[in-house]
Amino acid sequence: MRVFVAVGEAQGFAPAARRLALSPPTVTRAVAALEQALGVQLLQRTTRIVRLTEGGARYLLDCQRLLGELDDAELALSGAHGELRGPLSITASLMFGRLLVAPLFLDFLEQHRQVTGRAVLVDRVVDLIEEGLDVGVRIAHLADASFTAIRVGSVRHVVCASPAYLKRHGLPKSPRDLTELDTISFAADRAAPAWVFQAGKQTVTLRPNSRLLVNSSEVALQAALSGAGVTRVLSYMAASEVKAGRLRVILKDFEPEPIPVHVIHREGKRAAARVRALVDFAVSRLRGHPLLDA
């Protein structure tokens, strides 16, 4: 059943095998044996895709619920008064993870000594199912309704520069004034991203001719601190430098709408007890955090 759940969630034998640390033939044989025992085809297989049948989709939901209950029952019978145990994993973007997620995850592991943890901190959208992860913290307007998502706050896109740079070059009054300044762009690829602003009900899109393009938000901030130019980052990234007066936020009246921050996980109420416990712990620590109050 656990193998079938992994295949059904990942919609493929190879990603399920990676998630379970098994060989693909072992996964294939396990699902075939389950189908033979049930006398029902659970998956439609082609050379390109693996898709749940109608019966397979119903059975997947039942398996997720039953396996979650089984995990809880085993914990209750472990003699540890419901002590949490087993592997847990969480993912977030690199800087957000370092500043907010890693500290709460370490505290959670300290409270639950029988839980082992894995943290994946990367500046890309991670597929929880594909990479076998339990919980994620995502800064985005979510479009995928297949996850359980709990909003814990929001952040803003802010434009900032050092006071010394602004003193030398002047304070921009509108986004168009940025074309006269040195800009530092943060992007994961080779193309500098567009900077989107809001002027009343109108959206202003500007693609600055960046003097420096980096794939690290922390390097972009360091460049701005050194007086190399103006950069645009998320508010939590620059908060400590702004508070200390080393950076100044500009063009506040043109900022776009805040971006929500969610804690997400896959199975909802069917999740194992340790997953639900981590979600509750993360929500309680992040909700109301000053860095997430846009």
Protein backbone atom coordinates (compact mmCIF):
# COMPACT_ATOMS: atom_id res chain seq x y z
CA MET A 1 0.00 0.00 0.00
CA ARG A 2 2.82 2.43 0.79
CA VAL A 3 4.45 1.69 -2.55
CA PHE A 4 1.14 2.20 -4.39
CA VAL A 5 0.58 5.52 -2.58
CA ALA A 6 4.03 6.72 -3.62
CA VAL A 7 3.39 5.74 -7.27
CA GLY A 8 -0.08 7.30 -7.26
CA GLU A 9 1.11 10.58 -5.74
CA ALA A 10 4.17 10.87 -7.98
CA GLN A 11 2.31 9.55 -11.05
CA GLY A 12 5.27 7.46 -12.01
CA PHE A 13 7.29 4.40 -10.98
CA ALA A 14 10.72 6.03 -11.26
CA PRO A 15 9.96 9.05 -9.00
CA ALA A 16 8.22 6.74 -6.52
CA ALA A 17 11.28 4.49 -6.48
CA ARG A 18 13.52 7.49 -5.72
CA ARG A 19 11.19 8.62 -2.96
CA LEU A 20 11.16 5.14 -1.36
CA ALA A 21 14.86 4.40 -2.01
CA LEU A 22 13.86 1.25 -3.90
CA SER A 23 14.65 0.01 -7.39
CA PRO A 24 12.01 0.66 -10.12
CA PRO A 25 11.53 -3.08 -10.77
CA THR A 26 10.78 -3.63 -7.07
CA VAL A 27 8.17 -0.87 -7.15
CA THR A 28 6.62 -2.25 -10.34
CA ARG A 29 6.38 -5.78 -8.88
CA ALA A 30 4.83 -4.51 -5.64
CA VAL A 31 2.05 -2.64 -7.45
CA ALA A 32 1.42 -5.57 -9.79
CA ALA A 33 1.13 -7.90 -6.79
CA LEU A 34 -1.33 -5.53 -5.12
CA GLU A 35 -3.47 -5.34 -8.27
CA GLN A 36 -3.45 -9.13 -8.54
CA ALA A 37 -4.47 -9.52 -4.90
CA LEU A 38 -7.31 -7.01 -5.28
CA GLY A 39 -8.36 -8.21 -8.71
CA VAL A 40 -8.58 -4.57 -9.85
CA GLN A 41 -6.42 -2.45 -12.16
CA LEU A 42 -5.24 0.54 -10.13
CA LEU A 43 -3.01 2.24 -12.71
CA GLN A 44 -3.09 2.82 -16.45
CA ARG A 45 0.42 2.51 -17.85
CA THR A 46 1.82 3.76 -21.15
CA THR A 47 5.39 4.35 -22.27
CA ARG A 48 5.06 8.00 -21.26
CA ILE A 49 2.61 8.32 -18.38
CA VAL A 50 1.19 6.46 -15.40
CA ARG A 51 -2.38 7.44 -14.52
CA LEU A 52 -4.76 6.30 -11.80
CA THR A 53 -7.89 4.44 -12.88
CA GLU A 54 -11.19 5.52 -11.35
CA GLY A 55 -10.95 2.68 -8.84
CA GLY A 56 -7.29 3.46 -8.26
CA ALA A 57 -8.09 7.07 -7.39
CA ARG A 58 -10.63 5.96 -4.77
CA TYR A 59 -8.26 3.36 -3.39
CA LEU A 60 -5.44 5.92 -3.15
CA LEU A 61 -7.54 8.12 -0.85
CA ASP A 62 -8.42 5.14 1.33
CA CYS A 63 -4.77 4.04 1.50
CA GLN A 64 -3.61 7.52 2.49
CA ARG A 65 -6.19 7.65 5.28
CA LEU A 66 -5.48 4.11 6.52
CA LEU A 67 -1.70 4.52 6.48
CA GLY A 68 -1.97 7.78 8.41
CA GLU A 69 -4.14 6.05 11.01
CA LEU A 70 -1.70 3.13 11.13
CA ASP A 71 1.20 5.49 11.84
CA ASP A 72 -0.78 7.08 14.66
CA ALA A 73 -1.75 3.68 16.08
CA GLU A 74 1.88 2.49 16.07
CA LEU A 75 2.92 5.65 17.87
CA ALA A 76 0.22 5.16 20.48
CA LEU A 77 1.39 1.56 21.08
CA SER A 78 5.10 2.40 21.14
CA GLY A 79 5.10 2.78 24.91
CA ALA A 80 6.32 6.36 24.56
CA HIS A 81 2.95 7.97 25.30
CA GLY A 82 2.51 9.03 21.70
CA GLU A 83 6.13 10.16 21.28
CA LEU A 84 6.77 11.21 17.69
CA ARG A 85 9.31 9.19 15.73
CA GLY A 86 10.42 8.67 12.15
CA PRO A 87 11.75 10.79 9.27
CA LEU A 88 10.53 14.31 8.48
CA SER A 89 11.54 16.69 5.71
CA ILE A 90 10.91 20.36 5.00
CA THR A 91 11.79 22.72 2.16
CA ALA A 92 11.99 26.48 1.66
CA SER A 93 13.94 29.01 -0.37
CA LEU A 94 17.57 29.44 0.62
CA MET A 95 17.61 32.74 2.53
CA PHE A 96 14.11 32.33 3.97
CA GLY A 97 15.08 28.87 5.10
CA ARG A 98 18.26 30.08 6.77
CA LEU A 99 16.56 32.95 8.58
CA LEU A 100 13.21 31.44 9.59
CA VAL A 101 12.73 27.77 8.71
CA ALA A 102 16.00 26.21 9.88
CA PRO A 103 15.71 27.67 13.44
CA LEU A 104 12.16 26.38 13.93
CA PHE A 105 13.03 22.98 12.42
CA LEU A 106 16.01 22.60 14.75
CA ASP A 107 13.82 23.50 17.74
CA PHE A 108 11.23 20.93 16.64
CA LEU A 109 13.87 18.20 16.35
CA GLU A 110 15.24 19.13 19.76
CA GLN A 111 11.76 18.64 21.27
CA HIS A 112 11.22 15.31 19.47
CA ARG A 113 14.43 13.32 19.81
CA GLN A 114 13.08 10.26 17.96
CA VAL A 115 12.41 12.27 14.77
CA THR A 116 15.11 12.53 12.10
CA GLY A 117 15.07 15.57 9.82
CA ARG A 118 16.01 16.62 6.30
CA ALA A 119 15.94 20.26 5.17
CA VAL A 120 16.08 21.15 1.47
CA LEU A 121 16.80 24.87 1.00
CA VAL A 122 16.90 25.90 -2.67
CA ASP A 123 15.85 28.92 -4.71
CA ARG A 124 13.45 27.05 -6.98
CA VAL A 125 9.94 25.64 -6.73
CA VAL A 126 10.27 22.14 -5.29
CA ASP A 127 7.73 19.42 -6.12
CA LEU A 128 6.97 17.84 -2.74
CA ILE A 129 5.76 14.60 -4.28
CA GLU A 130 8.54 14.25 -6.84
CA GLU A 131 11.25 14.85 -4.23
CA GLY A 132 9.57 12.98 -1.38
CA LEU A 133 9.22 15.96 0.96
CA ASP A 134 6.66 16.32 3.72
CA VAL A 135 6.30 20.07 4.36
CA GLY A 136 7.15 23.23 2.45
CA VAL A 137 7.08 26.95 3.14
CA ARG A 138 6.21 28.75 -0.06
CA ILE A 139 6.20 32.48 -0.86
CA ALA A 140 3.70 32.70 -3.70
CA HIS A 141 0.10 33.01 -4.79
CA LEU A 142 -0.71 29.29 -4.85
CA ALA A 143 -2.45 27.78 -7.85
CA ASP A 144 -2.08 24.07 -6.96
CA ALA A 145 -5.15 23.00 -4.99
CA SER A 146 -3.80 19.48 -4.41
CA PHE A 147 -1.95 20.62 -1.28
CA THR A 148 -3.17 21.67 2.11
CA ALA A 149 -1.99 25.27 2.55
CA ILE A 150 -2.07 27.43 5.69
CA ARG A 151 -1.31 31.12 5.29
CA VAL A 152 1.10 32.46 7.90
CA GLY A 153 1.84 35.98 6.64
CA SER A 154 3.03 37.96 3.66
CA VAL A 155 6.06 39.83 2.35
CA ARG A 156 6.61 42.75 -0.04
CA HIS A 157 8.84 43.46 -2.98
CA VAL A 158 10.99 46.43 -1.91
CA VAL A 159 13.51 48.56 -3.76
CA CYS A 160 16.43 49.66 -1.62
CA ALA A 161 19.86 51.26 -1.73
CA SER A 162 22.45 52.55 0.69
CA PRO A 163 21.94 56.10 2.02
CA ALA A 164 25.38 57.03 0.64
CA TYR A 165 24.41 55.94 -2.89
CA LEU A 166 21.12 57.86 -2.73
CA LYS A 167 22.95 60.93 -1.48
CA ARG A 168 25.29 60.80 -4.48
CA HIS A 169 22.68 60.06 -7.15
CA GLY A 170 19.46 61.49 -5.76
CA LEU A 171 16.21 59.93 -4.57
CA PRO A 172 14.02 58.50 -7.39
CA LYS A 173 10.48 59.85 -7.42
CA SER A 174 8.95 57.22 -9.73
CA PRO A 175 9.92 53.79 -11.12
CA ARG A 176 10.98 55.42 -14.42
CA ASP A 177 13.73 57.27 -12.55
CA LEU A 178 15.46 53.92 -11.97
CA THR A 179 16.64 53.94 -15.59
CA GLU A 180 19.09 56.69 -14.56
CA LEU A 181 20.53 54.63 -11.69
CA ASP A 182 22.76 51.56 -11.37
CA THR A 183 20.59 48.52 -10.66
CA ILE A 184 21.45 45.13 -9.22
CA SER A 185 19.14 42.29 -10.23
CA PHE A 186 18.60 39.00 -8.45
CA ALA A 187 17.58 36.09 -10.72
CA ALA A 188 18.05 32.34 -10.85
CA ASP A 189 18.81 32.37 -14.59
CA ARG A 190 20.66 34.55 -17.09
CA ALA A 191 17.81 36.95 -17.81
CA ALA A 192 17.26 39.95 -15.56
CA PRO A 193 13.66 39.86 -14.27
CA ALA A 194 11.14 42.61 -14.85
CA TRP A 195 10.40 44.86 -11.89
CA VAL A 196 6.64 45.35 -11.50
CA PHE A 197 5.22 48.39 -9.73
CA GLN A 198 1.73 49.60 -8.94
CA ALA A 199 0.78 53.22 -9.65
CA GLY A 200 -2.79 53.57 -8.47
CA LYS A 201 -4.80 51.10 -10.56
CA GLN A 202 -2.12 50.91 -13.23
CA THR A 203 0.69 48.38 -13.38
CA VAL A 204 4.11 49.67 -14.39
CA THR A 205 6.58 47.09 -15.67
CA LEU A 206 10.23 48.05 -15.89
CA ARG A 207 13.10 45.86 -17.09
CA PRO A 208 16.17 47.67 -15.79
CA ASN A 209 19.45 47.51 -17.65
CA SER A 210 21.19 45.92 -14.70
CA ARG A 211 24.81 46.71 -14.06
CA LEU A 212 25.07 43.51 -12.02
CA LEU A 213 23.04 40.29 -12.28
CA VAL A 214 23.46 37.71 -9.50
CA ASN A 215 21.73 34.46 -8.56
CA SER A 216 21.99 35.14 -4.82
CA SER A 217 19.78 37.59 -2.95
CA GLU A 218 22.45 37.93 -0.28
CA VAL A 219 25.03 38.99 -2.87
CA ALA A 220 22.55 41.51 -4.30
CA LEU A 221 22.07 42.96 -0.83
CA GLN A 222 25.82 43.06 -0.21
CA ALA A 223 26.33 44.95 -3.47
CA ALA A 224 23.66 47.48 -2.47
CA LEU A 225 25.24 47.86 0.97
CA SER A 226 28.60 48.61 -0.66
CA GLY A 227 27.03 51.43 -2.66
CA ALA A 228 27.04 49.67 -6.04
CA GLY A 229 23.45 50.60 -6.83
CA VAL A 230 19.77 49.92 -6.26
CA THR A 231 18.39 46.40 -5.80
CA ARG A 232 14.95 44.83 -5.44
CA VAL A 233 14.39 42.01 -2.97
CA LEU A 234 11.69 40.67 -0.70
CA SER A 235 11.10 42.69 2.45
CA TYR A 236 12.26 40.02 4.91
CA MET A 237 15.64 39.83 3.15
CA ALA A 238 16.49 43.49 3.76
CA ALA A 239 14.68 43.97 7.08
CA SER A 240 17.72 43.85 9.38
CA GLU A 241 19.78 46.21 7.18
CA VAL A 242 16.88 48.65 6.86
CA LYS A 243 16.33 48.61 10.62
CA ALA A 244 20.03 49.31 11.17
CA GLY A 245 19.95 52.22 8.71
CA ARG A 246 22.43 50.64 6.32
CA LEU A 247 19.79 50.39 3.57
CA ARG A 248 16.86 52.64 2.76
CA VAL A 249 13.62 51.48 1.13
CA ILE A 250 12.53 53.74 -1.74
CA LEU A 251 9.45 53.99 -3.99
CA LYS A 252 7.18 52.65 -1.24
CA ASP A 253 4.11 54.22 -2.87
CA PHE A 254 4.67 52.09 -5.97
CA GLU A 255 5.04 48.68 -4.35
CA PRO A 256 2.83 45.88 -5.77
CA GLU A 257 0.45 43.87 -3.60
CA PRO A 258 2.11 41.78 -0.86
CA ILE A 259 2.90 38.12 -1.58
CA PRO A 260 1.37 35.53 0.77
CA VAL A 261 3.48 33.00 2.66
CA HIS A 262 2.03 29.51 3.18
CA VAL A 263 2.99 26.34 4.99
CA ILE A 264 2.00 23.49 2.65
CA HIS A 265 1.85 19.71 2.93
CA ARG A 266 0.39 16.87 0.95
CA GLU A 267 -1.98 14.64 2.87
CA GLY A 268 -4.05 17.06 4.96
CA LYS A 269 -5.78 15.28 7.85
CA ARG A 270 -4.51 11.95 6.51
CA ALA A 271 -0.89 12.95 7.18
CA ALA A 272 1.16 11.09 9.75
CA ALA A 273 1.12 12.52 13.26
CA ARG A 274 4.71 13.76 13.01
CA VAL A 275 3.89 15.69 9.80
CA ARG A 276 0.83 17.30 11.38
CA ALA A 277 2.89 18.17 14.45
CA LEU A 278 5.58 19.87 12.35
CA VAL A 279 2.96 21.81 10.38
CA ASP A 280 1.31 23.04 13.58
CA PHE A 281 4.70 23.98 15.03
CA ALA A 282 5.77 25.87 11.90
CA VAL A 283 2.46 27.72 11.67
CA SER A 284 2.62 28.78 15.32
CA ARG A 285 6.22 30.03 14.92
CA LEU A 286 5.75 31.83 11.59
CA ARG A 287 2.30 33.34 12.04
CA GLY A 288 2.74 36.77 13.58
CA HIS A 289 6.51 36.81 12.92
CA PRO A 290 7.59 40.45 12.37
CA LEU A 291 9.39 39.54 9.12
CA LEU A 292 6.11 38.20 7.68
CA ASP A 293 3.96 41.22 8.50
CA ALA A 294 3.82 43.03 5.17
